[in-house]
Amino acid sequence: MKLYVGNLSPDTTEFQLRKAFEKFGKVDLISMNGQPHKNSIYSFCFVHMPFDNQASQAIKKLNGKKLGGYLLNIKESSVSI
């Protein structure tokens, strides 16, 4: 399942994201997009998890939780990565 992860801190790293999502299962790919300049407050990425049940758990447990001081916005994505 492909997940859209929005409202990332400008300082969020791929390592931090992988660590957070791997608590719920296998992560195949993290595609960092929209990396802002330090004066911008929004960024996003896509996370691909091969098992839908694990991805659903990640959405349930991480959506609305803080990472780097920002509340994550996570949902299933139809965008190909």
N, C-alpha and C. Protein backbone atom coordinates (compact mmCIF):
# COMPACT_ATOMS: atom_id res chain seq x y z
N MET A 1 0.86 -1.18 0.00
CA MET A 1 0.00 0.00 0.00
C MET A 1 0.89 1.23 0.00
N LYS A 2 0.50 2.20 -0.78
CA LYS A 2 1.21 3.48 -0.82
C LYS A 2 0.54 4.45 0.14
N LEU A 3 1.32 5.11 0.95
CA LEU A 3 0.80 6.05 1.93
C LEU A 3 1.32 7.45 1.65
N TYR A 4 0.43 8.41 1.73
CA TYR A 4 0.81 9.82 1.69
C TYR A 4 1.05 10.24 3.13
N VAL A 5 2.19 10.87 3.38
CA VAL A 5 2.52 11.36 4.72
C VAL A 5 2.77 12.85 4.60
N GLY A 6 1.87 13.64 5.13
CA GLY A 6 1.96 15.08 5.02
C GLY A 6 2.24 15.76 6.34
N ASN A 7 2.52 17.05 6.23
CA ASN A 7 2.82 17.92 7.36
C ASN A 7 4.09 17.49 8.09
N LEU A 8 5.13 17.18 7.31
CA LEU A 8 6.41 16.82 7.89
C LEU A 8 7.20 18.06 8.30
N SER A 9 7.93 17.92 9.37
CA SER A 9 8.87 18.97 9.75
C SER A 9 9.92 19.11 8.65
N PRO A 10 10.41 20.32 8.40
CA PRO A 10 11.47 20.49 7.40
C PRO A 10 12.74 19.71 7.76
N ASP A 11 12.87 19.32 9.02
CA ASP A 11 14.06 18.61 9.46
C ASP A 11 13.90 17.09 9.48
N THR A 12 12.72 16.59 9.11
CA THR A 12 12.47 15.15 9.12
C THR A 12 13.35 14.46 8.09
N THR A 13 13.95 13.35 8.50
CA THR A 13 14.82 12.58 7.61
C THR A 13 14.15 11.28 7.20
N GLU A 14 14.67 10.69 6.15
CA GLU A 14 14.17 9.38 5.71
C GLU A 14 14.39 8.34 6.82
N PHE A 15 15.51 8.44 7.52
CA PHE A 15 15.79 7.51 8.60
C PHE A 15 14.72 7.57 9.69
N GLN A 16 14.31 8.79 10.07
CA GLN A 16 13.27 8.95 11.10
C GLN A 16 11.95 8.35 10.63
N LEU A 17 11.61 8.59 9.39
CA LEU A 17 10.37 8.04 8.85
C LEU A 17 10.41 6.51 8.81
N ARG A 18 11.51 5.97 8.32
CA ARG A 18 11.64 4.52 8.24
C ARG A 18 11.53 3.90 9.64
N LYS A 19 12.18 4.50 10.60
CA LYS A 19 12.14 4.00 11.98
C LYS A 19 10.70 4.01 12.51
N ALA A 20 9.95 5.08 12.25
CA ALA A 20 8.57 5.19 12.72
C ALA A 20 7.67 4.15 12.06
N PHE A 21 7.79 3.98 10.74
CA PHE A 21 6.90 3.08 10.01
C PHE A 21 7.28 1.62 10.18
N GLU A 22 8.54 1.33 10.35
CA GLU A 22 8.96 -0.06 10.50
C GLU A 22 8.50 -0.68 11.82
N LYS A 23 8.00 0.12 12.73
CA LYS A 23 7.40 -0.43 13.95
C LYS A 23 6.15 -1.25 13.61
N PHE A 24 5.59 -1.00 12.42
CA PHE A 24 4.34 -1.66 12.03
C PHE A 24 4.52 -2.66 10.92
N GLY A 25 5.73 -2.75 10.37
CA GLY A 25 5.99 -3.73 9.32
C GLY A 25 7.06 -3.29 8.35
N LYS A 26 7.12 -4.03 7.27
CA LYS A 26 8.15 -3.82 6.24
C LYS A 26 7.88 -2.54 5.45
N VAL A 27 8.94 -1.77 5.22
CA VAL A 27 8.87 -0.57 4.39
C VAL A 27 9.75 -0.82 3.18
N ASP A 28 9.15 -0.79 1.99
CA ASP A 28 9.91 -1.01 0.75
C ASP A 28 10.60 0.26 0.28
N LEU A 29 9.90 1.38 0.37
CA LEU A 29 10.42 2.61 -0.24
C LEU A 29 9.84 3.82 0.46
N ILE A 30 10.68 4.83 0.63
CA ILE A 30 10.23 6.14 1.09
C ILE A 30 10.68 7.14 0.05
N SER A 31 9.72 7.86 -0.50
CA SER A 31 10.00 8.85 -1.53
C SER A 31 9.77 10.23 -0.95
N MET A 32 10.86 10.92 -0.66
CA MET A 32 10.77 12.27 -0.09
C MET A 32 10.49 13.26 -1.21
N ASN A 33 9.47 14.07 -1.03
CA ASN A 33 9.07 15.07 -2.02
C ASN A 33 8.81 16.39 -1.33
N GLY A 34 8.85 17.44 -2.09
CA GLY A 34 8.45 18.73 -1.57
C GLY A 34 9.28 19.19 -0.39
N GLN A 35 10.55 18.83 -0.35
CA GLN A 35 11.38 19.27 0.76
C GLN A 35 11.46 20.79 0.74
N PRO A 36 10.97 21.42 1.76
CA PRO A 36 10.90 22.88 1.76
C PRO A 36 12.20 23.53 2.19
N HIS A 37 12.26 24.81 1.96
CA HIS A 37 13.32 25.61 2.54
C HIS A 37 12.98 25.77 4.02
N LYS A 38 13.92 26.16 4.82
CA LYS A 38 13.69 26.26 6.26
C LYS A 38 12.56 27.21 6.63
N ASN A 39 12.21 28.15 5.75
CA ASN A 39 11.14 29.09 6.10
C ASN A 39 9.75 28.57 5.70
N SER A 40 9.68 27.38 5.14
CA SER A 40 8.40 26.78 4.77
C SER A 40 8.01 25.78 5.84
N ILE A 41 6.71 25.63 6.08
CA ILE A 41 6.30 24.71 7.16
C ILE A 41 5.74 23.38 6.65
N TYR A 42 5.58 23.21 5.35
CA TYR A 42 4.98 21.98 4.86
C TYR A 42 5.94 21.17 4.01
N SER A 43 5.85 19.89 4.17
CA SER A 43 6.58 18.94 3.36
C SER A 43 5.79 17.64 3.38
N PHE A 44 6.09 16.76 2.46
CA PHE A 44 5.39 15.49 2.42
C PHE A 44 6.29 14.42 1.84
N CYS A 45 5.85 13.17 1.97
CA CYS A 45 6.55 12.05 1.34
C CYS A 45 5.53 10.95 1.07
N PHE A 46 5.99 9.93 0.37
CA PHE A 46 5.20 8.74 0.16
C PHE A 46 5.97 7.57 0.75
N VAL A 47 5.25 6.70 1.44
CA VAL A 47 5.83 5.50 2.03
C VAL A 47 5.12 4.31 1.40
N HIS A 48 5.90 3.35 0.91
CA HIS A 48 5.31 2.14 0.35
C HIS A 48 5.57 0.98 1.30
N MET A 49 4.47 0.39 1.76
CA MET A 49 4.54 -0.79 2.61
C MET A 49 3.85 -1.92 1.84
N PRO A 50 4.52 -3.07 1.64
CA PRO A 50 3.97 -4.12 0.78
C PRO A 50 2.75 -4.85 1.33
N PHE A 51 2.54 -4.80 2.64
CA PHE A 51 1.43 -5.54 3.23
C PHE A 51 0.37 -4.56 3.73
N ASP A 52 -0.82 -4.67 3.15
CA ASP A 52 -1.90 -3.72 3.45
C ASP A 52 -2.26 -3.68 4.93
N ASN A 53 -2.26 -4.83 5.59
CA ASN A 53 -2.63 -4.84 7.01
C ASN A 53 -1.62 -4.06 7.85
N GLN A 54 -0.34 -4.14 7.50
CA GLN A 54 0.69 -3.40 8.22
C GLN A 54 0.57 -1.90 7.93
N ALA A 55 0.30 -1.57 6.67
CA ALA A 55 0.13 -0.16 6.30
C ALA A 55 -1.08 0.44 7.00
N SER A 56 -2.15 -0.33 7.09
CA SER A 56 -3.36 0.14 7.78
C SER A 56 -3.08 0.40 9.25
N GLN A 57 -2.30 -0.46 9.87
CA GLN A 57 -1.92 -0.26 11.28
C GLN A 57 -1.08 1.00 11.43
N ALA A 58 -0.17 1.23 10.50
CA ALA A 58 0.67 2.43 10.54
C ALA A 58 -0.20 3.68 10.44
N ILE A 59 -1.18 3.66 9.54
CA ILE A 59 -2.09 4.80 9.42
C ILE A 59 -2.82 5.03 10.73
N LYS A 60 -3.38 3.96 11.26
CA LYS A 60 -4.18 4.05 12.49
C LYS A 60 -3.35 4.58 13.67
N LYS A 61 -2.11 4.11 13.79
CA LYS A 61 -1.29 4.46 14.96
C LYS A 61 -0.51 5.76 14.79
N LEU A 62 -0.17 6.16 13.56
CA LEU A 62 0.69 7.32 13.37
C LEU A 62 -0.05 8.58 12.92
N ASN A 63 -1.22 8.43 12.29
CA ASN A 63 -1.95 9.61 11.82
C ASN A 63 -2.32 10.49 13.01
N GLY A 64 -1.96 11.76 12.93
CA GLY A 64 -2.25 12.69 14.01
C GLY A 64 -1.23 12.70 15.13
N LYS A 65 -0.22 11.84 15.02
CA LYS A 65 0.85 11.79 16.03
C LYS A 65 1.97 12.73 15.62
N LYS A 66 2.76 13.16 16.61
CA LYS A 66 3.87 14.07 16.34
C LYS A 66 5.12 13.33 15.90
N LEU A 67 5.78 13.93 14.92
CA LEU A 67 7.11 13.53 14.50
C LEU A 67 7.87 14.81 14.23
N GLY A 68 8.92 15.04 14.98
CA GLY A 68 9.68 16.27 14.83
C GLY A 68 8.88 17.51 15.20
N GLY A 69 7.91 17.34 16.10
CA GLY A 69 7.11 18.47 16.56
C GLY A 69 5.92 18.81 15.68
N TYR A 70 5.71 18.06 14.60
CA TYR A 70 4.59 18.31 13.69
C TYR A 70 3.62 17.14 13.72
N LEU A 71 2.32 17.43 13.64
CA LEU A 71 1.31 16.38 13.61
C LEU A 71 1.23 15.80 12.21
N LEU A 72 1.47 14.49 12.10
CA LEU A 72 1.46 13.83 10.80
C LEU A 72 0.05 13.70 10.24
N ASN A 73 -0.07 13.81 8.94
CA ASN A 73 -1.31 13.58 8.21
C ASN A 73 -1.03 12.42 7.26
N ILE A 74 -1.59 11.25 7.58
CA ILE A 74 -1.28 10.04 6.82
C ILE A 74 -2.57 9.44 6.27
N LYS A 75 -2.54 9.08 4.99
CA LYS A 75 -3.68 8.41 4.37
C LYS A 75 -3.18 7.57 3.20
N GLU A 76 -4.04 6.67 2.75
CA GLU A 76 -3.70 5.86 1.57
C GLU A 76 -3.60 6.76 0.36
N SER A 77 -2.65 6.47 -0.50
CA SER A 77 -2.42 7.30 -1.69
C SER A 77 -2.67 6.50 -2.95
N SER A 78 -3.20 7.16 -3.94
CA SER A 78 -3.38 6.53 -5.25
C SER A 78 -2.27 6.94 -6.21
N VAL A 79 -1.36 7.77 -5.75
CA VAL A 79 -0.24 8.24 -6.58
C VAL A 79 0.80 7.15 -6.67
N SER A 80 1.31 6.87 -7.86
CA SER A 80 2.36 5.87 -8.04
C SER A 80 3.71 6.44 -7.60
N ILE A 81 4.49 5.59 -6.94
CA ILE A 81 5.85 6.00 -6.55
C ILE A 81 6.85 5.02 -7.09
